[in-house]
Protein backbone atom coordinates (compact mmCIF):
# COMPACT_ATOMS: atom_id res chain seq x y z
CA MET A 1 73.06 145.55 8.38
CA SER A 2 73.91 147.13 11.72
CA ILE A 3 76.40 149.96 12.01
CA SER A 4 78.83 147.85 14.06
CA VAL A 5 78.96 145.13 11.37
CA PHE A 6 79.37 147.75 8.67
CA LEU A 7 82.31 149.36 10.55
CA LEU A 8 83.90 145.96 11.12
CA ILE A 9 83.75 145.22 7.40
CA ILE A 10 85.38 148.59 6.62
CA LEU A 11 88.15 147.93 9.12
CA LEU A 12 88.82 144.46 7.69
CA VAL A 13 88.88 145.75 4.11
CA GLU A 14 91.36 148.49 5.03
CA LYS A 15 93.70 145.92 6.61
CA VAL A 16 93.81 143.66 3.53
CA GLU A 17 96.40 144.79 1.07
CA ILE A 18 97.73 143.02 -2.00
CA TYR A 19 100.97 144.32 -3.38
CA ASP A 20 102.34 143.86 -6.88
CA ASP A 21 106.11 144.42 -7.28
CA GLU A 22 107.84 145.69 -10.38
CA GLU A 23 108.35 142.12 -11.61
CA GLY A 24 104.58 141.53 -11.66
CA GLU A 25 104.59 139.12 -8.73
CA PHE A 26 101.96 139.15 -6.03
CA TRP A 27 103.28 139.12 -2.49
CA GLY A 28 100.00 138.19 -0.85
CA ILE A 29 97.66 139.62 1.67
CA GLY A 30 99.23 142.04 4.14
CA GLU A 31 102.80 141.54 2.93
CA SER A 32 104.80 144.54 1.79
CA PRO A 33 107.36 144.02 -0.97
CA SER A 34 109.62 146.69 0.53
CA PHE A 35 110.71 144.51 3.45
CA VAL A 36 112.05 141.07 3.04
CA ASP A 37 114.58 139.73 5.52
CA GLY A 38 117.34 139.50 2.93
CA SER A 39 121.08 139.43 3.00
CA GLY A 40 124.06 139.33 0.73
CA TYR A 41 127.82 139.81 0.83
CA LEU A 42 130.00 142.56 -0.58
CA SER A 43 131.83 141.45 -3.68
CA ILE A 44 134.41 144.28 -3.77
CA ASN A 45 136.29 146.46 -1.32
CA THR A 46 135.05 150.09 -1.05
CA SER A 47 136.18 153.37 0.45
CA ALA A 48 134.52 155.14 3.41
CA THR A 49 132.76 157.55 1.07
CA ALA A 50 131.38 154.84 -1.27
CA ASN A 51 127.64 154.52 -1.57
CA VAL A 52 127.42 151.95 -4.41
CA PHE A 53 127.82 148.30 -3.46
CA GLU A 54 127.93 145.11 -5.51
CA LEU A 55 126.44 142.19 -3.60
CA LYS A 56 126.85 138.46 -4.15
CA GLU A 57 125.07 135.47 -2.61
CA VAL A 58 121.88 137.55 -2.27
CA THR A 59 119.13 135.58 -0.47
CA SER A 60 116.24 137.92 -1.27
CA ARG A 61 115.83 140.93 -3.56
CA PHE A 62 116.82 144.23 -1.95
CA SER A 63 114.36 147.12 -2.51
CA VAL A 64 114.40 150.87 -2.44
CA GLY A 65 113.61 152.05 1.06
CA ASN A 66 115.12 149.00 2.80
CA ILE A 67 117.23 149.85 5.85
CA ILE A 68 120.42 147.81 5.99
CA THR A 69 123.51 147.24 8.12
CA ILE A 70 126.96 146.25 6.89
CA GLY A 71 129.17 143.83 8.76
CA ASP A 72 129.28 144.28 12.52
CA SER A 73 128.32 147.97 12.25
CA LYS A 74 125.05 148.92 13.95
CA LYS A 75 124.78 152.08 11.81
CA GLU A 76 121.75 151.86 9.54
CA HIS A 77 121.68 152.98 5.90
CA GLU A 78 118.78 153.50 3.55
CA ILE A 79 118.75 152.08 0.04
CA THR A 80 117.86 154.72 -2.53
CA GLU A 81 118.34 152.73 -5.74
CA VAL A 82 118.75 149.08 -6.76
CA THR A 83 119.44 147.08 -9.89
CA GLU A 84 117.45 143.98 -10.82
CA LEU A 85 118.39 140.83 -8.99
CA GLN A 86 120.62 138.73 -11.22
CA LYS A 87 119.88 135.06 -10.70
CA SER A 88 122.41 132.39 -11.69
CA LYS A 89 123.47 128.89 -10.68
CA SER A 90 126.66 130.37 -9.13
CA GLY A 91 124.59 132.68 -6.87
CA ASN A 92 122.33 135.72 -7.01
CA SER A 93 123.85 139.19 -7.26
CA GLN A 94 122.51 142.76 -7.11
CA SER A 95 123.84 146.33 -6.86
CA ILE A 96 122.51 148.76 -4.26
CA ILE A 97 123.00 152.47 -3.83
CA LEU A 98 122.76 154.12 -0.44
CA MET A 99 121.69 157.63 0.46
CA GLU A 100 125.22 158.37 1.68
CA GLY A 101 128.60 156.77 2.23
CA VAL A 102 128.87 154.30 5.10
CA GLY A 103 131.74 156.16 6.82
CA PHE A 104 134.20 153.24 6.95
CA GLU A 105 136.13 151.11 4.48
CA THR A 106 134.43 147.88 3.59
CA ASN A 107 136.03 144.59 2.56
CA THR A 108 134.93 141.80 0.30
CA GLY A 109 132.81 139.27 2.13
CA LEU A 110 131.20 141.60 4.69
CA LYS A 111 127.57 140.70 5.22
CA VAL A 112 124.83 143.17 4.25
CA SER A 113 121.52 142.57 6.04
CA VAL A 114 118.09 144.15 5.76
CA VAL A 115 116.95 145.24 9.22
CA ARG A 116 113.65 146.91 8.21
């Protein structure tokens, strides 16, 4: 085998990654479980210093390390802790904890979106 073919094989192998999340599900080749373009809506009002949020109508599981925005704010916040996604016929829900408070009061129904 030539050196160029050997190096190509090494490069290809390093690019293939299979992730297994905490629920034991495989995400597939090259997909990271830490970023899924998810969203949800706040289920309670919170103060400007709050960093714990209850979400309803969650479309995809939020994960530690996700960067999110809330409502129309462009300020980004990092998720430091999450609870398990609760699935039900009335809609999925999940709690997230941010590194720090968002700096503004939030109202029920504001959209929470994963941006990266």
